[in-house]
N, C-alpha and C. Protein backbone atom coordinates (compact mmCIF):
# COMPACT_ATOMS: atom_id res chain seq x y z
N MET A 1 0.70 -1.20 -0.21
CA MET A 1 0.17 0.00 0.11
C MET A 1 0.64 1.32 -0.08
N VAL A 2 0.41 2.39 -1.21
CA VAL A 2 1.01 3.43 -0.91
C VAL A 2 0.67 4.09 0.07
N LEU A 3 1.76 5.25 0.67
CA LEU A 3 1.43 5.88 2.06
C LEU A 3 0.81 7.26 1.65
N GLY A 4 -0.32 7.45 1.85
CA GLY A 4 -0.69 9.01 1.86
C GLY A 4 -0.60 9.66 3.15
N LYS A 5 -1.30 10.61 3.27
CA LYS A 5 -1.39 11.48 4.67
C LYS A 5 -2.02 10.83 5.42
N THR A 6 -3.47 10.13 5.37
CA THR A 6 -4.17 10.02 6.19
C THR A 6 -3.50 8.53 6.89
N THR A 7 -3.31 7.98 5.97
CA THR A 7 -2.79 6.55 6.09
C THR A 7 -1.29 6.72 6.75
N THR A 8 -0.50 7.80 6.85
CA THR A 8 0.84 8.00 7.66
C THR A 8 0.65 8.09 8.82
N ALA A 9 -0.51 8.95 9.35
CA ALA A 9 -0.84 9.50 10.45
C ALA A 9 -1.60 8.15 11.13
N ASN A 10 -2.10 7.35 10.51
CA ASN A 10 -2.85 5.85 11.40
C ASN A 10 -1.61 5.39 11.70
N ALA A 11 -0.40 5.54 10.80
CA ALA A 11 0.83 4.12 10.77
C ALA A 11 1.91 4.76 12.03
N ILE A 12 1.58 6.28 12.75
CA ILE A 12 2.04 7.03 13.78
C ILE A 12 1.17 6.15 14.80
N LEU A 13 0.08 6.31 14.60
CA LEU A 13 -1.14 5.40 15.55
C LEU A 13 -1.55 3.74 15.83
N ASN A 14 -0.33 3.25 15.35
CA ASN A 14 -0.05 1.84 14.93
C ASN A 14 -1.74 1.35 15.01
N ASN A 15 -2.22 1.69 13.76
CA ASN A 15 -3.52 1.48 13.76
C ASN A 15 -3.49 0.19 13.29
N PRO A 16 -4.16 -0.66 14.03
CA PRO A 16 -3.99 -2.02 13.66
C PRO A 16 -4.61 -2.74 12.26
N SER A 17 -5.25 -1.58 11.68
CA SER A 17 -5.58 -1.86 10.05
C SER A 17 -4.88 -1.71 9.41
N TYR A 18 -3.13 -1.45 9.70
CA TYR A 18 -1.94 -1.13 8.56
C TYR A 18 -1.12 -2.04 9.46
N THR A 19 0.02 -2.07 8.50
CA THR A 19 0.91 -3.13 8.91
C THR A 19 2.46 -2.11 8.51
N LYS A 20 3.22 -1.73 9.75
CA LYS A 20 4.40 -1.33 9.01
C LYS A 20 5.13 -2.53 8.47
N LYS A 21 6.33 -2.19 7.48
CA LYS A 21 6.93 -2.80 7.07
C LYS A 21 8.44 -2.55 7.55
N ASN A 22 8.92 -1.62 7.60
CA ASN A 22 9.87 -0.71 7.88
C ASN A 22 9.94 0.24 8.37
N GLY A 23 11.35 1.09 9.03
CA GLY A 23 10.78 2.67 9.27
C GLY A 23 10.79 2.75 11.13
N SER A 24 11.11 3.74 11.53
CA SER A 24 10.87 3.71 12.90
C SER A 24 10.29 5.01 13.52
N ILE A 25 9.45 5.08 14.61
CA ILE A 25 8.93 6.52 14.60
C ILE A 25 9.51 7.09 16.09
N LEU A 26 9.73 8.43 16.09
CA LEU A 26 10.26 8.84 17.24
C LEU A 26 9.32 9.36 18.20
N LEU A 27 9.30 9.37 19.49
CA LEU A 27 8.68 10.75 19.92
C LEU A 27 9.70 11.30 21.00
N ASP A 28 10.35 12.41 20.74
CA ASP A 28 10.82 13.15 22.14
C ASP A 28 12.28 11.85 22.35
N GLY A 29 13.33 11.23 21.14
CA GLY A 29 13.51 10.55 21.54
C GLY A 29 13.36 8.92 21.47
N GLU A 30 12.31 8.79 22.14
CA GLU A 30 11.69 7.81 22.35
C GLU A 30 11.13 6.63 21.46
N GLU A 31 11.92 5.65 21.08
CA GLU A 31 10.67 4.60 19.75
C GLU A 31 9.41 4.37 20.31
N ILE A 32 8.47 5.10 19.54
CA ILE A 32 7.11 4.32 19.69
C ILE A 32 6.68 3.29 18.93
N THR A 33 7.36 2.81 17.83
CA THR A 33 6.94 2.15 16.38
C THR A 33 5.79 1.32 16.91
N ASN A 34 6.42 0.34 17.89
CA ASN A 34 5.43 -0.53 17.97
C ASN A 34 4.76 -0.94 19.09
N LEU A 35 4.38 0.18 20.01
CA LEU A 35 3.87 0.24 20.80
C LEU A 35 2.57 -0.28 20.54
N LYS A 36 1.33 -0.22 21.36
CA LYS A 36 -0.12 -0.25 20.94
C LYS A 36 -0.74 1.17 20.99
N THR A 37 -1.91 1.42 20.40
CA THR A 37 -2.35 2.79 20.27
C THR A 37 -2.85 3.65 21.41
N ASP A 38 -3.37 2.99 22.27
CA ASP A 38 -3.84 3.49 23.76
C ASP A 38 -2.35 3.86 24.38
N GLU A 39 -1.42 3.27 24.23
CA GLU A 39 0.00 3.45 24.76
C GLU A 39 0.70 4.41 24.21
N ILE A 40 0.57 4.47 22.77
CA ILE A 40 1.22 6.01 21.86
C ILE A 40 0.53 7.19 22.17
N ALA A 41 -1.04 7.18 22.73
CA ALA A 41 -1.79 8.42 23.26
C ALA A 41 -1.25 8.50 24.71
N ARG A 42 -1.20 7.52 25.10
CA ARG A 42 -0.86 8.14 26.74
C ARG A 42 0.73 8.25 26.77
N LYS A 43 1.35 8.30 25.48
CA LYS A 43 2.71 9.09 25.62
C LYS A 43 2.59 10.77 25.36
N GLY A 44 1.41 10.95 24.72
CA GLY A 44 1.29 12.27 24.24
C GLY A 44 0.67 12.70 22.97
N VAL A 45 0.49 11.62 22.00
CA VAL A 45 -0.03 11.93 20.63
C VAL A 45 -1.23 11.36 20.54
N PHE A 46 -1.95 12.69 20.01
CA PHE A 46 -3.60 12.84 19.75
C PHE A 46 -3.75 13.28 17.94
N MET A 47 -4.76 12.34 17.70
CA MET A 47 -5.04 12.62 16.11
C MET A 47 -6.79 12.97 16.38
N SER A 48 -6.59 13.89 15.36
CA SER A 48 -8.21 13.68 15.20
C SER A 48 -8.99 13.52 14.01
N PHE A 49 -10.02 13.05 13.47
CA PHE A 49 -10.40 12.21 12.34
C PHE A 49 -11.05 13.26 11.08
N GLN A 50 -10.85 12.67 10.68
CA GLN A 50 -11.65 13.11 8.95
C GLN A 50 -13.43 13.22 9.43
N LEU A 51 -13.70 11.99 9.59
CA LEU A 51 -14.85 11.31 10.14
C LEU A 51 -15.21 11.08 11.44
N PRO A 52 -15.63 12.12 12.63
CA PRO A 52 -15.28 11.76 14.23
C PRO A 52 -16.15 10.33 14.11
N GLU A 53 -16.04 9.34 15.23
CA GLU A 53 -17.00 8.57 15.64
C GLU A 53 -17.34 9.20 16.26
N GLU A 54 -19.00 8.39 15.93
CA GLU A 54 -20.46 8.39 16.94
C GLU A 54 -20.09 7.51 18.41
N ILE A 55 -20.48 7.96 19.63
CA ILE A 55 -20.69 6.77 20.59
C ILE A 55 -21.75 7.38 21.15
N PRO A 56 -23.04 6.45 20.97
CA PRO A 56 -23.81 6.59 21.72
C PRO A 56 -23.92 5.99 23.07
N GLY A 57 -24.68 6.89 24.10
CA GLY A 57 -24.55 6.21 25.46
C GLY A 57 -23.78 6.85 26.55
N VAL A 58 -22.64 7.81 25.82
CA VAL A 58 -21.43 8.11 26.61
C VAL A 58 -21.23 9.59 26.27
N SER A 59 -21.26 10.17 26.94
CA SER A 59 -21.36 11.93 26.46
C SER A 59 -20.20 12.64 27.08
N VAL A 60 -19.95 13.40 26.07
CA VAL A 60 -19.35 14.00 25.69
C VAL A 60 -18.16 14.44 26.70
N SER A 61 -18.47 14.64 27.64
CA SER A 61 -18.38 15.11 29.46
C SER A 61 -17.76 13.73 30.20
N ASN A 62 -18.37 13.11 29.99
CA ASN A 62 -17.91 11.65 30.59
C ASN A 62 -16.30 10.79 29.48
N PHE A 63 -16.60 11.40 28.29
CA PHE A 63 -16.13 10.93 27.52
C PHE A 63 -14.36 11.31 27.94
N LEU A 64 -14.59 12.95 28.17
CA LEU A 64 -13.73 13.78 28.22
C LEU A 64 -12.88 13.28 29.82
N LYS A 65 -13.71 13.32 30.53
CA LYS A 65 -13.53 12.85 32.09
C LYS A 65 -12.33 11.64 31.70
N TYR A 66 -13.08 10.26 31.11
CA TYR A 66 -12.22 9.54 31.19
C TYR A 66 -10.59 8.95 30.03
N ALA A 67 -11.10 10.07 29.12
CA ALA A 67 -9.65 9.89 28.32
C ALA A 67 -8.75 10.57 28.82
N LYS A 68 -8.99 11.90 29.77
CA LYS A 68 -8.12 12.47 30.36
C LYS A 68 -7.61 11.62 31.65
N ASN A 69 -8.30 11.11 32.73
CA ASN A 69 -7.65 9.93 33.35
C ASN A 69 -6.86 9.06 32.77
N LYS A 70 -7.13 8.45 31.78
CA LYS A 70 -6.45 7.28 31.29
C LYS A 70 -4.80 8.46 30.23
N MET A 71 -5.13 9.31 30.01
CA MET A 71 -4.01 9.89 29.16
C MET A 71 -2.67 10.49 30.60
N THR A 72 -3.37 10.53 31.59
CA THR A 72 -2.64 11.09 32.71
C THR A 72 -2.15 9.87 33.84
N GLY A 73 -3.20 9.30 33.91
CA GLY A 73 -2.90 8.01 34.94
C GLY A 73 -3.05 8.91 36.32
N LYS A 74 -3.80 9.75 36.36
CA LYS A 74 -4.39 9.99 37.55
C LYS A 74 -5.23 10.50 38.20
N PRO A 75 -6.35 10.98 39.04
CA PRO A 75 -7.66 11.03 39.30
C PRO A 75 -7.72 12.59 38.53
N VAL A 76 -8.68 12.41 37.73
CA VAL A 76 -9.68 13.75 37.43
C VAL A 76 -9.89 14.96 38.13
N LYS A 77 -9.73 15.75 38.52
CA LYS A 77 -10.63 16.99 39.20
C LYS A 77 -11.79 16.94 39.11
N ILE A 78 -12.55 17.06 38.90
CA ILE A 78 -14.54 17.23 38.19
C ILE A 78 -14.55 18.80 38.03
N PHE A 79 -13.95 19.39 39.55
CA PHE A 79 -14.18 21.19 39.60
C PHE A 79 -13.49 21.75 38.44
N GLU A 80 -12.21 21.15 38.20
CA GLU A 80 -11.39 21.87 37.23
C GLU A 80 -11.58 21.51 36.02
N LEU A 81 -12.04 20.41 35.57
CA LEU A 81 -12.35 19.83 34.57
C LEU A 81 -13.37 20.65 33.96
N LYS A 82 -14.51 21.14 34.69
CA LYS A 82 -15.82 21.52 34.33
C LYS A 82 -15.34 23.27 34.25
N LYS A 83 -14.50 23.60 35.15
CA LYS A 83 -13.83 25.17 34.66
C LYS A 83 -13.70 25.32 33.14
N GLU A 84 -12.40 23.59 32.76
CA GLU A 84 -11.79 24.21 31.60
C GLU A 84 -12.90 23.87 30.33
N LEU A 85 -13.76 23.16 30.96
CA LEU A 85 -14.92 22.73 29.32
C LEU A 85 -15.67 24.07 29.53
N LYS A 86 -15.83 24.86 30.56
CA LYS A 86 -16.54 26.31 30.69
C LYS A 86 -15.90 27.13 29.39
N LYS A 87 -14.69 27.52 29.95
CA LYS A 87 -13.72 27.98 29.20
C LYS A 87 -13.83 27.76 27.59
N TYR A 88 -13.55 26.75 27.31
CA TYR A 88 -13.13 26.64 26.16
C TYR A 88 -14.62 25.94 25.11
N THR A 89 -15.63 25.58 25.87
CA THR A 89 -17.09 25.80 24.74
C THR A 89 -16.80 26.82 24.32
N GLN A 90 -17.02 28.40 25.35
CA GLN A 90 -17.13 29.64 24.85
C GLN A 90 -16.39 29.79 23.87
N GLU A 91 -14.77 29.84 24.16
CA GLU A 91 -14.08 30.11 23.23
C GLU A 91 -14.17 29.62 21.73
N LEU A 92 -14.97 28.23 22.07
CA LEU A 92 -15.14 27.52 20.70
C LEU A 92 -16.90 27.96 20.07
N ASN A 93 -17.22 28.98 20.94
CA ASN A 93 -18.65 29.15 20.08
C ASN A 93 -19.28 27.89 20.12
N MET A 94 -19.30 26.73 21.42
CA MET A 94 -20.12 25.60 21.15
C MET A 94 -21.56 25.58 22.04
N ASN A 95 -22.46 24.36 21.66
CA ASN A 95 -23.48 25.03 22.57
C ASN A 95 -22.76 23.85 23.93
N ALA A 96 -23.03 24.78 25.03
CA ALA A 96 -22.86 23.90 26.05
C ALA A 96 -23.80 22.63 26.61
N GLU A 97 -25.05 22.71 26.12
CA GLU A 97 -25.29 21.69 26.41
C GLU A 97 -24.94 19.94 25.57
N ASN A 98 -24.33 20.29 24.75
CA ASN A 98 -23.77 19.26 23.64
C ASN A 98 -22.09 18.51 24.86
N LEU A 99 -22.10 19.11 25.93
CA LEU A 99 -21.50 17.95 26.25
C LEU A 99 -21.94 17.49 27.29
N GLU A 100 -23.11 17.13 27.20
CA GLU A 100 -24.06 16.14 28.39
C GLU A 100 -24.89 15.20 27.14
N ARG A 101 -24.47 15.72 25.99
CA ARG A 101 -25.26 14.53 24.52
C ARG A 101 -24.14 13.43 24.58
N SER A 102 -24.60 12.40 23.86
CA SER A 102 -24.01 11.05 23.75
C SER A 102 -22.70 11.67 22.24
N LEU A 103 -21.98 11.47 22.38
CA LEU A 103 -20.58 11.68 21.48
C LEU A 103 -20.71 11.99 20.38
N ASN A 104 -20.79 12.70 19.92
CA ASN A 104 -21.36 13.25 18.02
C ASN A 104 -22.58 12.42 17.64
N VAL A 105 -23.18 12.35 18.16
CA VAL A 105 -24.48 11.70 17.77
C VAL A 105 -25.45 12.89 17.60
N GLY A 106 -26.06 13.06 16.39
CA GLY A 106 -26.42 14.01 15.98
C GLY A 106 -25.88 15.46 15.80
N PHE A 107 -24.92 15.42 16.02
CA PHE A 107 -23.71 16.26 15.76
C PHE A 107 -23.77 16.84 14.36
N SER A 108 -23.79 18.32 13.89
CA SER A 108 -23.59 18.57 12.72
C SER A 108 -21.97 18.41 12.25
N GLY A 109 -21.75 18.95 11.15
CA GLY A 109 -20.07 18.38 10.91
C GLY A 109 -19.53 19.32 11.21
N GLY A 110 -19.70 20.78 11.96
CA GLY A 110 -18.88 21.55 11.88
C GLY A 110 -18.88 21.53 13.95
N GLU A 111 -20.21 20.28 14.68
CA GLU A 111 -20.06 20.28 15.53
C GLU A 111 -19.01 19.51 16.16
N LYS A 112 -18.88 18.12 15.37
CA LYS A 112 -18.09 17.36 15.63
C LYS A 112 -16.75 18.14 15.81
N LYS A 113 -16.23 18.72 14.41
CA LYS A 113 -14.91 19.11 14.13
C LYS A 113 -14.77 20.11 15.52
N LYS A 114 -15.69 21.11 15.79
CA LYS A 114 -14.91 21.79 17.31
C LYS A 114 -15.10 20.79 18.07
N ASN A 115 -15.58 19.71 18.07
CA ASN A 115 -15.79 18.72 19.74
C ASN A 115 -13.82 18.39 19.38
N GLU A 116 -13.73 17.97 18.15
CA GLU A 116 -12.36 17.30 18.30
C GLU A 116 -11.40 18.28 18.77
N ILE A 117 -11.67 19.68 18.72
CA ILE A 117 -10.17 20.14 19.13
C ILE A 117 -10.25 20.43 20.76
N LEU A 118 -12.08 20.38 20.83
CA LEU A 118 -12.02 20.58 22.30
C LEU A 118 -11.26 19.53 23.02
N GLN A 119 -11.31 18.53 22.54
CA GLN A 119 -10.46 17.20 23.19
C GLN A 119 -9.01 17.38 22.88
N MET A 120 -8.81 18.22 21.87
CA MET A 120 -7.21 18.42 22.03
C MET A 120 -6.51 19.06 22.91
N LEU A 121 -8.06 20.49 23.11
CA LEU A 121 -7.25 21.34 24.49
C LEU A 121 -7.72 20.64 25.69
N ILE A 122 -8.37 19.82 25.97
CA ILE A 122 -8.53 19.02 27.22
C ILE A 122 -7.58 18.13 27.67
N LEU A 123 -7.22 17.28 26.87
CA LEU A 123 -6.22 15.91 26.60
C LEU A 123 -4.59 16.85 26.48
N ASN A 124 -4.49 18.04 26.00
CA ASN A 124 -3.31 18.74 26.17
C ASN A 124 -1.80 17.79 25.66
N PRO A 125 -1.83 17.01 24.57
CA PRO A 125 -1.12 16.32 24.20
C PRO A 125 0.57 17.00 23.55
N LYS A 126 1.33 16.28 23.48
CA LYS A 126 2.70 16.84 22.91
C LYS A 126 2.53 17.00 21.53
N LEU A 127 1.54 15.73 20.72
CA LEU A 127 1.53 16.17 19.36
C LEU A 127 -0.07 16.00 18.88
N ALA A 128 -0.43 16.69 18.37
CA ALA A 128 -1.77 16.62 17.77
C ALA A 128 -1.86 16.32 16.46
N ILE A 129 -2.31 15.51 16.03
CA ILE A 129 -2.65 15.52 14.52
C ILE A 129 -3.74 15.08 14.41
N LEU A 130 -4.05 16.56 13.27
CA LEU A 130 -5.34 17.51 13.06
C LEU A 130 -5.84 16.74 11.63
N ASP A 131 -5.96 15.67 11.08
CA ASP A 131 -6.93 14.68 9.89
C ASP A 131 -7.85 15.59 9.29
N GLU A 132 -7.61 16.69 8.06
CA GLU A 132 -8.44 17.06 7.74
C GLU A 132 -9.89 18.13 8.24
N THR A 133 -9.16 18.76 9.59
CA THR A 133 -9.88 18.80 10.41
C THR A 133 -11.46 20.24 9.94
N ASP A 134 -10.64 20.61 8.88
CA ASP A 134 -11.58 22.02 8.20
C ASP A 134 -12.04 21.35 7.29
N SER A 135 -12.25 19.83 6.83
CA SER A 135 -12.82 19.29 5.67
C SER A 135 -14.79 19.75 6.22
N GLY A 136 -15.19 20.15 5.03
CA GLY A 136 -16.53 20.64 5.12
C GLY A 136 -16.92 21.75 5.88
N LEU A 137 -15.99 22.73 6.94
CA LEU A 137 -16.47 23.49 7.39
C LEU A 137 -16.76 24.89 6.76
N ASP A 138 -17.90 25.55 7.41
CA ASP A 138 -17.73 27.45 6.17
C ASP A 138 -16.44 28.31 6.96
N VAL A 139 -16.25 29.20 6.11
CA VAL A 139 -15.07 30.06 7.32
C VAL A 139 -15.65 30.81 8.42
N ASP A 140 -16.48 30.72 8.32
CA ASP A 140 -16.71 31.24 10.25
C ASP A 140 -16.33 29.75 10.73
N ALA A 141 -16.00 28.66 10.46
CA ALA A 141 -16.05 27.30 11.51
C ALA A 141 -14.43 27.32 11.54
N ILE A 142 -13.93 27.43 10.12
CA ILE A 142 -12.75 26.95 10.19
C ILE A 142 -12.05 28.01 10.41
N LYS A 143 -12.45 29.57 11.09
CA LYS A 143 -11.65 30.58 11.83
C LYS A 143 -11.62 30.15 13.20
N THR A 144 -13.15 29.37 13.56
CA THR A 144 -12.99 29.06 15.15
C THR A 144 -12.13 27.95 15.38
N VAL A 145 -11.70 26.81 14.55
CA VAL A 145 -11.42 25.77 14.30
C VAL A 145 -9.72 26.18 14.65
N SER A 146 -9.03 27.25 13.83
CA SER A 146 -8.16 27.97 13.79
C SER A 146 -7.65 28.47 15.50
N LYS A 147 -8.55 29.59 15.73
CA LYS A 147 -8.64 29.86 17.00
C LYS A 147 -8.17 28.75 18.21
N GLY A 148 -8.95 27.31 18.12
CA GLY A 148 -8.57 26.48 19.05
C GLY A 148 -7.38 26.28 18.37
N ILE A 149 -6.37 26.07 17.43
CA ILE A 149 -5.13 25.68 17.15
C ILE A 149 -4.23 26.49 18.16
N LYS A 150 -4.48 27.52 17.92
CA LYS A 150 -3.92 28.41 18.62
C LYS A 150 -3.35 29.51 20.02
N MET A 151 -4.83 28.43 20.53
CA MET A 151 -5.22 28.43 22.30
C MET A 151 -4.16 27.13 22.63
N PHE A 152 -4.01 26.28 21.60
CA PHE A 152 -3.04 25.11 21.77
C PHE A 152 -1.75 24.68 21.91
N LYS A 153 -1.71 25.78 20.72
CA LYS A 153 -0.19 25.45 20.46
C LYS A 153 1.06 26.36 21.70
N ASN A 154 1.95 25.66 22.02
CA ASN A 154 3.23 26.51 22.68
C ASN A 154 4.25 25.79 22.00
N LYS A 155 5.31 26.47 23.10
CA LYS A 155 6.67 25.95 22.60
C LYS A 155 7.14 24.41 23.19
N GLN A 156 6.35 23.70 24.02
CA GLN A 156 6.12 22.56 24.88
C GLN A 156 5.58 21.42 23.78
N ASN A 157 4.82 21.99 22.87
CA ASN A 157 3.86 21.18 22.34
C ASN A 157 3.61 21.11 20.29
N ALA A 158 2.97 20.56 19.54
CA ALA A 158 3.45 20.78 18.63
C ALA A 158 2.29 20.16 17.41
N VAL A 159 1.79 20.66 16.28
CA VAL A 159 0.73 20.46 15.63
C VAL A 159 0.98 20.02 14.30
N LEU A 160 0.75 18.70 13.74
CA LEU A 160 0.39 18.93 12.42
C LEU A 160 -1.29 18.37 11.45
N ILE A 161 -0.92 19.45 10.61
CA ILE A 161 -1.72 19.72 10.37
C ILE A 161 -1.84 18.90 8.89
N ILE A 162 -3.13 18.28 8.21
CA ILE A 162 -2.71 17.77 7.50
C ILE A 162 -4.27 18.03 6.29
N THR A 163 -3.97 18.52 5.65
CA THR A 163 -5.17 19.36 5.07
C THR A 163 -4.85 19.24 3.32
N HIS A 164 -5.77 19.40 2.07
CA HIS A 164 -6.07 19.68 1.30
C HIS A 164 -5.54 21.13 0.89
N ASN A 165 -6.98 21.93 1.54
CA ASN A 165 -7.10 23.72 1.45
C ASN A 165 -6.18 24.33 2.37
N THR A 166 -5.43 25.62 2.08
CA THR A 166 -4.94 26.36 2.66
C THR A 166 -5.30 27.10 3.66
N LYS A 167 -6.72 27.40 3.65
CA LYS A 167 -7.25 28.37 4.00
C LYS A 167 -7.51 28.21 5.74
N ILE A 168 -7.10 27.12 6.18
CA ILE A 168 -7.04 26.88 7.45
C ILE A 168 -5.65 27.59 8.46
N LEU A 169 -4.80 27.62 7.08
CA LEU A 169 -3.48 28.41 7.84
C LEU A 169 -3.42 29.50 7.52
N HIS A 170 -4.48 30.63 6.95
CA HIS A 170 -4.14 31.84 6.82
C HIS A 170 -3.88 32.32 8.52
N SER A 171 -4.19 32.31 9.40
CA SER A 171 -4.16 33.17 10.66
C SER A 171 -3.51 32.16 11.71
N LEU A 172 -2.75 30.86 11.13
CA LEU A 172 -1.60 30.50 11.71
C LEU A 172 -0.17 30.56 11.48
N LYS A 173 0.57 30.72 12.42
CA LYS A 173 2.00 30.63 12.35
C LYS A 173 2.44 29.21 12.21
N VAL A 174 2.58 29.16 10.46
CA VAL A 174 3.29 28.25 10.54
C VAL A 174 4.75 28.03 10.06
N ASP A 175 4.95 26.94 10.77
CA ASP A 175 6.57 26.64 10.54
C ASP A 175 7.44 25.99 9.70
N TYR A 176 6.36 24.99 9.33
CA TYR A 176 7.12 24.30 8.06
C TYR A 176 5.73 23.97 6.86
N VAL A 177 5.67 23.69 5.53
CA VAL A 177 5.30 23.07 4.92
C VAL A 177 5.40 22.21 4.53
N HIS A 178 4.69 20.90 4.21
CA HIS A 178 5.31 19.24 3.24
C HIS A 178 4.74 19.31 2.28
N ILE A 179 4.56 19.29 1.23
CA ILE A 179 3.78 18.45 -0.04
C ILE A 179 4.30 17.07 -0.14
N LEU A 180 3.29 16.11 0.15
CA LEU A 180 3.53 14.65 0.13
C LEU A 180 2.40 14.24 -0.86
N VAL A 181 3.06 13.16 -1.40
CA VAL A 181 3.17 12.58 -2.53
C VAL A 181 3.35 11.60 -2.61
N ASN A 182 2.23 10.29 -3.14
CA ASN A 182 2.72 8.95 -3.21
C ASN A 182 3.54 8.68 -1.90
N GLY A 183 3.44 8.95 -0.77
CA GLY A 183 3.84 8.84 0.21
C GLY A 183 5.41 9.31 0.15
N LYS A 184 5.35 9.86 -0.37
CA LYS A 184 6.71 10.95 -0.23
C LYS A 184 6.67 12.34 -0.10
N ILE A 185 7.91 13.00 0.73
CA ILE A 185 8.00 14.32 0.95
C ILE A 185 8.81 15.01 -0.38
N VAL A 186 7.72 15.78 -1.51
CA VAL A 186 8.09 16.14 -2.80
C VAL A 186 9.09 17.40 -2.34
N LYS A 187 8.31 18.40 -1.49
CA LYS A 187 8.76 19.89 -0.97
C LYS A 187 8.42 20.29 0.45
N THR A 188 9.66 20.75 0.83
CA THR A 188 9.46 21.19 1.94
C THR A 188 9.50 22.86 2.08
N GLY A 189 8.62 23.81 2.44
CA GLY A 189 9.27 24.95 2.78
C GLY A 189 8.57 25.62 4.12
N ASN A 190 8.68 27.28 3.98
CA ASN A 190 7.87 27.65 5.08
C ASN A 190 6.16 28.03 4.31
N ALA A 191 5.77 29.26 5.39
CA ALA A 191 4.42 29.48 5.04
C ALA A 191 4.58 30.28 3.68
N ASP A 192 5.15 31.04 3.41
CA ASP A 192 5.14 30.70 1.77
C ASP A 192 5.24 29.87 0.33
N LEU A 193 5.26 28.71 1.07
CA LEU A 193 5.22 27.75 -0.17
C LEU A 193 3.28 27.37 0.31
N ALA A 194 2.50 27.33 1.29
CA ALA A 194 1.17 27.28 0.94
C ALA A 194 0.64 28.17 0.51
N LYS A 195 1.29 29.22 0.09
CA LYS A 195 0.83 30.71 -0.57
C LYS A 195 0.94 30.18 -2.09
N GLU A 196 2.11 29.93 -2.33
CA GLU A 196 2.29 29.16 -3.74
C GLU A 196 1.36 28.10 -4.21
N ILE A 197 0.85 27.15 -2.78
CA ILE A 197 -0.03 26.09 -3.79
C ILE A 197 -1.31 27.05 -3.74
N GLU A 198 -1.99 27.80 -2.79
CA GLU A 198 -3.05 28.56 -2.91
C GLU A 198 -2.98 29.04 -4.65
N GLU A 199 -2.15 29.63 -4.99
CA GLU A 199 -2.14 30.21 -6.01
C GLU A 199 -1.88 29.19 -7.62
N LYS A 200 -0.86 28.41 -7.33
CA LYS A 200 -0.69 27.70 -8.48
C LYS A 200 -1.29 26.29 -8.41
N GLY A 201 -2.05 25.99 -7.06
CA GLY A 201 -2.24 24.25 -6.77
C GLY A 201 -1.09 23.38 -7.18
N TYR A 202 -1.34 22.17 -6.98
CA TYR A 202 -0.70 20.80 -6.58
C TYR A 202 -0.43 20.20 -8.06
N SER A 203 -0.46 20.67 -9.21
CA SER A 203 -0.53 20.04 -10.62
C SER A 203 1.04 19.44 -10.79
N GLU A 204 2.15 20.63 -10.61
CA GLU A 204 3.61 20.52 -10.90
C GLU A 204 3.94 19.19 -10.19
N TYR A 205 3.10 19.32 -8.88
CA TYR A 205 3.84 18.09 -8.01
C TYR A 205 3.36 16.63 -7.96
N LYS A 206 2.66 16.44 -8.97
CA LYS A 206 1.52 15.15 -9.12
C LYS A 206 2.36 14.72 -10.63
């Protein structure tokens, strides 16, 4: 199988649907290539999905409480979690009532994507892989998602954004832009490369 952007992301998380034949994956100098997905997540790797899963019967707040407990290995302080949830739902212009609804069940596309950003902010991973988080979003929703990314990013973490559209990058400080074709990085640059792609497209790289 030829590696694509999403396949690469799934390989990093060791999705059992894929088999890695060679190479290695390092996080802060530590080999994580063959760890189980949940172990990789506990090491600090987070991934948002193009099509977020729906989980009937599990509320957003309970899911985040459970996930945070598994990430940190420590009991979750409910008051602090509620305070964080209130802050971030307001910042992301989310309906607070959605916190008590089953995870992503009946959510619009925009609500699901915002919920993925909320998860990232609450879990606070070392590396956040955002797989086409901007897919299908209108201009306002893209701005909100970008705002969430800016709130998250600091010198102690990193964000890898997988996208076909450069609009999500407009308000972000981009360190590197990589163009991936047939599993290989064919060009690397800075934010200027994203502007070039916006103007000329990808045709010369295919």
